[in-house]
Structure formats: structure tokens, C-alpha cells
Amino acid sequence: MQFHIENMTCGGCVRGVTRAIHSVDPSAAVEADPPARKLTVQSGKPGAEFLPALAAAGFDAEIQ
């Protein structure tokens, strides 16, 4: 699944986003593209389950 995260702009943001994703699914594979503001997650959990964790970490994410 892919997310658009407008305020993911740097490596520090990527670390924060990755921590948020792993708080929901520790085995999720995460690939971030800060210039494109794109996050790709491979997980068995539905995308909507990650949105509250991302919001709590300060990232406004949209599922694409």
C-alpha cells in the first residue's frame, strides 16, 4: 500500500514514519521517498490501521 505524507521531507521524518509504522506492525517492510512524499508499506494489516499511529507521530497521511 502507498501513503502520501506531505510533511515527510527528510531522513529524520523517514525515521519517525518508520517507527510509527512498526508500532502497528513490527514486521512491515517500509520504503520511503521523501522528495515524492511517498511511503510504501508491505504489511498484512489494512492501511487504515496505520493512520492513527502516523497522526500521533505528527504526520498527516493519505492512503493512495
PDB file of N, CA and C in Angstrom:
ATOM      1  N   MET A   1       0.840  -1.167   0.000  1.00  0.00           N
ATOM      2  CA  MET A   1       0.000   0.000   0.000  1.00  0.00           C
ATOM      3  C   MET A   1       0.883   1.226   0.000  1.00  0.00           C
ATOM      4  N   GLN A   2       0.324   2.328  -0.494  1.00  0.00           N
ATOM      5  CA  GLN A   2       1.086   3.571  -0.551  1.00  0.00           C
ATOM      6  C   GLN A   2       0.350   4.668   0.199  1.00  0.00           C
ATOM      7  N   PHE A   3       1.156   5.517   0.823  1.00  0.00           N
ATOM      8  CA  PHE A   3       0.647   6.688   1.517  1.00  0.00           C
ATOM      9  C   PHE A   3       1.314   7.918   0.937  1.00  0.00           C
ATOM     10  N   HIS A   4       0.579   9.021   0.908  1.00  0.00           N
ATOM     11  CA  HIS A   4       1.160  10.319   0.599  1.00  0.00           C
ATOM     12  C   HIS A   4       1.256  11.056   1.928  1.00  0.00           C
ATOM     13  N   ILE A   5       2.471  11.503   2.267  1.00  0.00           N
ATOM     14  CA  ILE A   5       2.700  12.213   3.522  1.00  0.00           C
ATOM     15  C   ILE A   5       3.373  13.536   3.180  1.00  0.00           C
ATOM     16  N   GLU A   6       2.586  14.588   3.121  1.00  0.00           N
ATOM     17  CA  GLU A   6       3.067  15.892   2.649  1.00  0.00           C
ATOM     18  C   GLU A   6       4.220  16.421   3.496  1.00  0.00           C
ATOM     19  N   ASN A   7       4.195  16.179   4.809  1.00  0.00           N
ATOM     20  CA  ASN A   7       5.241  16.760   5.655  1.00  0.00           C
ATOM     21  C   ASN A   7       6.389  15.787   5.959  1.00  0.00           C
ATOM     22  N   MET A   8       6.581  14.768   5.127  1.00  0.00           N
ATOM     23  CA  MET A   8       7.745  13.877   5.230  1.00  0.00           C
ATOM     24  C   MET A   8       8.794  14.406   4.256  1.00  0.00           C
ATOM     25  N   THR A   9       9.779  15.137   4.786  1.00  0.00           N
ATOM     26  CA  THR A   9      10.696  15.855   3.902  1.00  0.00           C
ATOM     27  C   THR A   9      12.166  15.478   4.056  1.00  0.00           C
ATOM     28  N   CYS A  10      12.521  14.660   5.075  1.00  0.00           N
ATOM     29  CA  CYS A  10      13.934  14.412   5.317  1.00  0.00           C
ATOM     30  C   CYS A  10      14.135  13.035   5.958  1.00  0.00           C
ATOM     31  N   GLY A  11      15.384  12.700   6.202  1.00  0.00           N
ATOM     32  CA  GLY A  11      15.712  11.419   6.821  1.00  0.00           C
ATOM     33  C   GLY A  11      15.143  11.281   8.224  1.00  0.00           C
ATOM     34  N   GLY A  12      15.118  12.376   8.961  1.00  0.00           N
ATOM     35  CA  GLY A  12      14.525  12.338  10.300  1.00  0.00           C
ATOM     36  C   GLY A  12      13.049  12.009  10.232  1.00  0.00           C
ATOM     37  N   CYS A  13      12.375  12.571   9.257  1.00  0.00           N
ATOM     38  CA  CYS A  13      10.956  12.269   9.052  1.00  0.00           C
ATOM     39  C   CYS A  13      10.771  10.792   8.712  1.00  0.00           C
ATOM     40  N   VAL A  14      11.646  10.272   7.871  1.00  0.00           N
ATOM     41  CA  VAL A  14      11.554   8.866   7.477  1.00  0.00           C
ATOM     42  C   VAL A  14      11.691   7.969   8.707  1.00  0.00           C
ATOM     43  N   ARG A  15      12.620   8.305   9.602  1.00  0.00           N
ATOM     44  CA  ARG A  15      12.777   7.513  10.821  1.00  0.00           C
ATOM     45  C   ARG A  15      11.510   7.568  11.670  1.00  0.00           C
ATOM     46  N   GLY A  16      10.908   8.754  11.791  1.00  0.00           N
ATOM     47  CA  GLY A  16       9.683   8.889  12.574  1.00  0.00           C
ATOM     48  C   GLY A  16       8.520   8.122  11.971  1.00  0.00           C
ATOM     49  N   VAL A  17       8.394   8.201  10.658  1.00  0.00           N
ATOM     50  CA  VAL A  17       7.324   7.483   9.956  1.00  0.00           C
ATOM     51  C   VAL A  17       7.531   5.972  10.099  1.00  0.00           C
ATOM     52  N   THR A  18       8.770   5.527   9.960  1.00  0.00           N
ATOM     53  CA  THR A  18       9.071   4.100  10.081  1.00  0.00           C
ATOM     54  C   THR A  18       8.751   3.597  11.486  1.00  0.00           C
ATOM     55  N   ARG A  19       9.115   4.376  12.503  1.00  0.00           N
ATOM     56  CA  ARG A  19       8.782   3.989  13.885  1.00  0.00           C
ATOM     57  C   ARG A  19       7.271   3.869  14.059  1.00  0.00           C
ATOM     58  N   ALA A  20       6.522   4.812  13.492  1.00  0.00           N
ATOM     59  CA  ALA A  20       5.063   4.782  13.605  1.00  0.00           C
ATOM     60  C   ALA A  20       4.486   3.533  12.936  1.00  0.00           C
ATOM     61  N   ILE A  21       4.979   3.206  11.753  1.00  0.00           N
ATOM     62  CA  ILE A  21       4.505   2.013  11.044  1.00  0.00           C
ATOM     63  C   ILE A  21       4.838   0.757  11.853  1.00  0.00           C
ATOM     64  N   HIS A  22       6.059   0.675  12.364  1.00  0.00           N
ATOM     65  CA  HIS A  22       6.479  -0.510  13.121  1.00  0.00           C
ATOM     66  C   HIS A  22       5.778  -0.612  14.470  1.00  0.00           C
ATOM     67  N   SER A  23       5.224   0.481  14.981  1.00  0.00           N
ATOM     68  CA  SER A  23       4.458   0.386  16.222  1.00  0.00           C
ATOM     69  C   SER A  23       3.145  -0.364  16.006  1.00  0.00           C
ATOM     70  N   VAL A  24       2.676  -0.380  14.763  1.00  0.00           N
ATOM     71  CA  VAL A  24       1.447  -1.097  14.411  1.00  0.00           C
ATOM     72  C   VAL A  24       1.780  -2.510  13.928  1.00  0.00           C
ATOM     73  N   ASP A  25       2.812  -2.629  13.100  1.00  0.00           N
ATOM     74  CA  ASP A  25       3.218  -3.929  12.552  1.00  0.00           C
ATOM     75  C   ASP A  25       4.742  -3.987  12.521  1.00  0.00           C
ATOM     76  N   PRO A  26       5.349  -4.582  13.549  1.00  0.00           N
ATOM     77  CA  PRO A  26       6.815  -4.625  13.618  1.00  0.00           C
ATOM     78  C   PRO A  26       7.482  -5.316  12.432  1.00  0.00           C
ATOM     79  N   SER A  27       6.762  -6.154  11.719  1.00  0.00           N
ATOM     80  CA  SER A  27       7.366  -6.872  10.592  1.00  0.00           C
ATOM     81  C   SER A  27       7.090  -6.200   9.248  1.00  0.00           C
ATOM     82  N   ALA A  28       6.462  -5.044   9.243  1.00  0.00           N
ATOM     83  CA  ALA A  28       6.150  -4.355   7.986  1.00  0.00           C
ATOM     84  C   ALA A  28       7.429  -3.917   7.282  1.00  0.00           C
ATOM     85  N   ALA A  29       7.421  -4.022   5.959  1.00  0.00           N
ATOM     86  CA  ALA A  29       8.517  -3.506   5.142  1.00  0.00           C
ATOM     87  C   ALA A  29       8.150  -2.080   4.743  1.00  0.00           C
ATOM     88  N   VAL A  30       9.071  -1.152   4.979  1.00  0.00           N
ATOM     89  CA  VAL A  30       8.799   0.268   4.746  1.00  0.00           C
ATOM     90  C   VAL A  30       9.818   0.811   3.769  1.00  0.00           C
ATOM     91  N   GLU A  31       9.335   1.522   2.750  1.00  0.00           N
ATOM     92  CA  GLU A  31      10.211   2.186   1.785  1.00  0.00           C
ATOM     93  C   GLU A  31       9.705   3.611   1.613  1.00  0.00           C
ATOM     94  N   ALA A  32      10.571   4.573   1.885  1.00  0.00           N
ATOM     95  CA  ALA A  32      10.163   5.976   1.835  1.00  0.00           C
ATOM     96  C   ALA A  32      10.861   6.709   0.698  1.00  0.00           C
ATOM     97  N   ASP A  33      10.155   7.655   0.114  1.00  0.00           N
ATOM     98  CA  ASP A  33      10.686   8.527  -0.936  1.00  0.00           C
ATOM     99  C   ASP A  33      10.347   9.961  -0.542  1.00  0.00           C
ATOM    100  N   PRO A  34      11.188  10.586   0.316  1.00  0.00           N
ATOM    101  CA  PRO A  34      10.854  11.939   0.797  1.00  0.00           C
ATOM    102  C   PRO A  34      10.632  12.977  -0.306  1.00  0.00           C
ATOM    103  N   PRO A  35      11.452  13.022  -1.376  1.00  0.00           N
ATOM    104  CA  PRO A  35      11.182  14.052  -2.400  1.00  0.00           C
ATOM    105  C   PRO A  35       9.792  13.927  -3.022  1.00  0.00           C
ATOM    106  N   ALA A  36       9.292  12.690  -3.149  1.00  0.00           N
ATOM    107  CA  ALA A  36       7.966  12.471  -3.723  1.00  0.00           C
ATOM    108  C   ALA A  36       6.881  12.456  -2.649  1.00  0.00           C
ATOM    109  N   ARG A  37       7.297  12.529  -1.363  1.00  0.00           N
ATOM    110  CA  ARG A  37       6.363  12.471  -0.221  1.00  0.00           C
ATOM    111  C   ARG A  37       5.572  11.164  -0.227  1.00  0.00           C
ATOM    112  N   LYS A  38       6.239  10.086  -0.679  1.00  0.00           N
ATOM    113  CA  LYS A  38       5.571   8.791  -0.844  1.00  0.00           C
ATOM    114  C   LYS A  38       6.150   7.771   0.126  1.00  0.00           C
ATOM    115  N   LEU A  39       5.267   6.989   0.737  1.00  0.00           N
ATOM    116  CA  LEU A  39       5.666   5.916   1.627  1.00  0.00           C
ATOM    117  C   LEU A  39       4.999   4.640   1.137  1.00  0.00           C
ATOM    118  N   THR A  40       5.793   3.597   0.929  1.00  0.00           N
ATOM    119  CA  THR A  40       5.271   2.301   0.522  1.00  0.00           C
ATOM    120  C   THR A  40       5.445   1.341   1.691  1.00  0.00           C
ATOM    121  N   VAL A  41       4.363   0.662   2.049  1.00  0.00           N
ATOM    122  CA  VAL A  41       4.383  -0.263   3.183  1.00  0.00           C
ATOM    123  C   VAL A  41       3.870  -1.617   2.713  1.00  0.00           C
ATOM    124  N   GLN A  42       4.609  -2.667   3.050  1.00  0.00           N
ATOM    125  CA  GLN A  42       4.149  -4.028   2.787  1.00  0.00           C
ATOM    126  C   GLN A  42       3.794  -4.641   4.130  1.00  0.00           C
ATOM    127  N   SER A  43       2.507  -4.910   4.305  1.00  0.00           N
ATOM    128  CA  SER A  43       2.010  -5.433   5.564  1.00  0.00           C
ATOM    129  C   SER A  43       0.720  -6.192   5.305  1.00  0.00           C
ATOM    130  N   GLY A  44       0.420  -7.112   6.198  1.00  0.00           N
ATOM    131  CA  GLY A  44      -0.850  -7.819   6.121  1.00  0.00           C
ATOM    132  C   GLY A  44      -1.993  -7.024   6.730  1.00  0.00           C
ATOM    133  N   LYS A  45      -1.671  -5.926   7.390  1.00  0.00           N
ATOM    134  CA  LYS A  45      -2.706  -5.102   8.027  1.00  0.00           C
ATOM    135  C   LYS A  45      -3.243  -4.080   7.028  1.00  0.00           C
ATOM    136  N   PRO A  46      -4.504  -3.690   7.171  1.00  0.00           N
ATOM    137  CA  PRO A  46      -5.065  -2.679   6.274  1.00  0.00           C
ATOM    138  C   PRO A  46      -4.453  -1.298   6.527  1.00  0.00           C
ATOM    139  N   GLY A  47      -4.376  -0.507   5.486  1.00  0.00           N
ATOM    140  CA  GLY A  47      -3.763   0.814   5.564  1.00  0.00           C
ATOM    141  C   GLY A  47      -4.368   1.705   6.623  1.00  0.00           C
ATOM    142  N   ALA A  48      -5.673   1.601   6.817  1.00  0.00           N
ATOM    143  CA  ALA A  48      -6.345   2.467   7.782  1.00  0.00           C
ATOM    144  C   ALA A  48      -5.826   2.269   9.203  1.00  0.00           C
ATOM    145  N   GLU A  49      -5.278   1.107   9.498  1.00  0.00           N
ATOM    146  CA  GLU A  49      -4.755   0.852  10.846  1.00  0.00           C
ATOM    147  C   GLU A  49      -3.498   1.675  11.129  1.00  0.00           C
ATOM    148  N   PHE A  50      -2.805   2.107  10.094  1.00  0.00           N
ATOM    149  CA  PHE A  50      -1.572   2.869  10.281  1.00  0.00           C
ATOM    150  C   PHE A  50      -1.834   4.375  10.448  1.00  0.00           C
ATOM    151  N   LEU A  51      -2.962   4.853   9.992  1.00  0.00           N
ATOM    152  CA  LEU A  51      -3.224   6.296  10.012  1.00  0.00           C
ATOM    153  C   LEU A  51      -3.177   6.902  11.415  1.00  0.00           C
ATOM    154  N   PRO A  52      -3.797   6.286  12.447  1.00  0.00           N
ATOM    155  CA  PRO A  52      -3.720   6.886  13.788  1.00  0.00           C
ATOM    156  C   PRO A  52      -2.291   6.966  14.323  1.00  0.00           C
ATOM    157  N   ALA A  53      -1.471   5.950  14.066  1.00  0.00           N
ATOM    158  CA  ALA A  53      -0.081   5.962  14.537  1.00  0.00           C
ATOM    159  C   ALA A  53       0.719   7.048  13.823  1.00  0.00           C
ATOM    160  N   LEU A  54       0.488   7.199  12.536  1.00  0.00           N
ATOM    161  CA  LEU A  54       1.178   8.258  11.789  1.00  0.00           C
ATOM    162  C   LEU A  54       0.738   9.631  12.283  1.00  0.00           C
ATOM    163  N   ALA A  55      -0.555   9.813  12.521  1.00  0.00           N
ATOM    164  CA  ALA A  55      -1.057  11.097  13.028  1.00  0.00           C
ATOM    165  C   ALA A  55      -0.475  11.405  14.399  1.00  0.00           C
ATOM    166  N   ALA A  56      -0.381  10.396  15.268  1.00  0.00           N
ATOM    167  CA  ALA A  56       0.180  10.600  16.603  1.00  0.00           C
ATOM    168  C   ALA A  56       1.649  11.003  16.529  1.00  0.00           C
ATOM    169  N   ALA A  57       2.344  10.557  15.482  1.00  0.00           N
ATOM    170  CA  ALA A  57       3.752  10.916  15.285  1.00  0.00           C
ATOM    171  C   ALA A  57       3.903  12.269  14.591  1.00  0.00           C
ATOM    172  N   GLY A  58       2.777  12.893  14.226  1.00  0.00           N
ATOM    173  CA  GLY A  58       2.829  14.215  13.614  1.00  0.00           C
ATOM    174  C   GLY A  58       2.813  14.231  12.106  1.00  0.00           C
ATOM    175  N   PHE A  59       2.399  13.137  11.506  1.00  0.00           N
ATOM    176  CA  PHE A  59       2.391  13.047  10.046  1.00  0.00           C
ATOM    177  C   PHE A  59       0.966  12.868   9.536  1.00  0.00           C
ATOM    178  N   ASP A  60       0.538  13.767   8.665  1.00  0.00           N
ATOM    179  CA  ASP A  60      -0.787  13.680   8.049  1.00  0.00           C
ATOM    180  C   ASP A  60      -0.650  12.839   6.786  1.00  0.00           C
ATOM    181  N   ALA A  61      -1.168  11.638   6.838  1.00  0.00           N
ATOM    182  CA  ALA A  61      -1.016  10.692   5.731  1.00  0.00           C
ATOM    183  C   ALA A  61      -2.347  10.453   5.038  1.00  0.00           C
ATOM    184  N   GLU A  62      -2.249  10.227   3.735  1.00  0.00           N
ATOM    185  CA  GLU A  62      -3.405   9.821   2.926  1.00  0.00           C
ATOM    186  C   GLU A  62      -3.065   8.512   2.250  1.00  0.00           C
ATOM    187  N   ILE A  63      -4.001   7.581   2.280  1.00  0.00           N
ATOM    188  CA  ILE A  63      -3.803   6.327   1.556  1.00  0.00           C
ATOM    189  C   ILE A  63      -4.025   6.589   0.075  1.00  0.00           C
ATOM    190  N   GLN A  64      -3.131   6.056  -0.743  1.00  0.00           N
ATOM    191  CA  GLN A  64      -3.266   6.254  -2.190  1.00  0.00           C
ATOM    192  C   GLN A  64      -3.604   4.960  -2.881  1.00  0.00           C
TER     193      GLN A  64
END
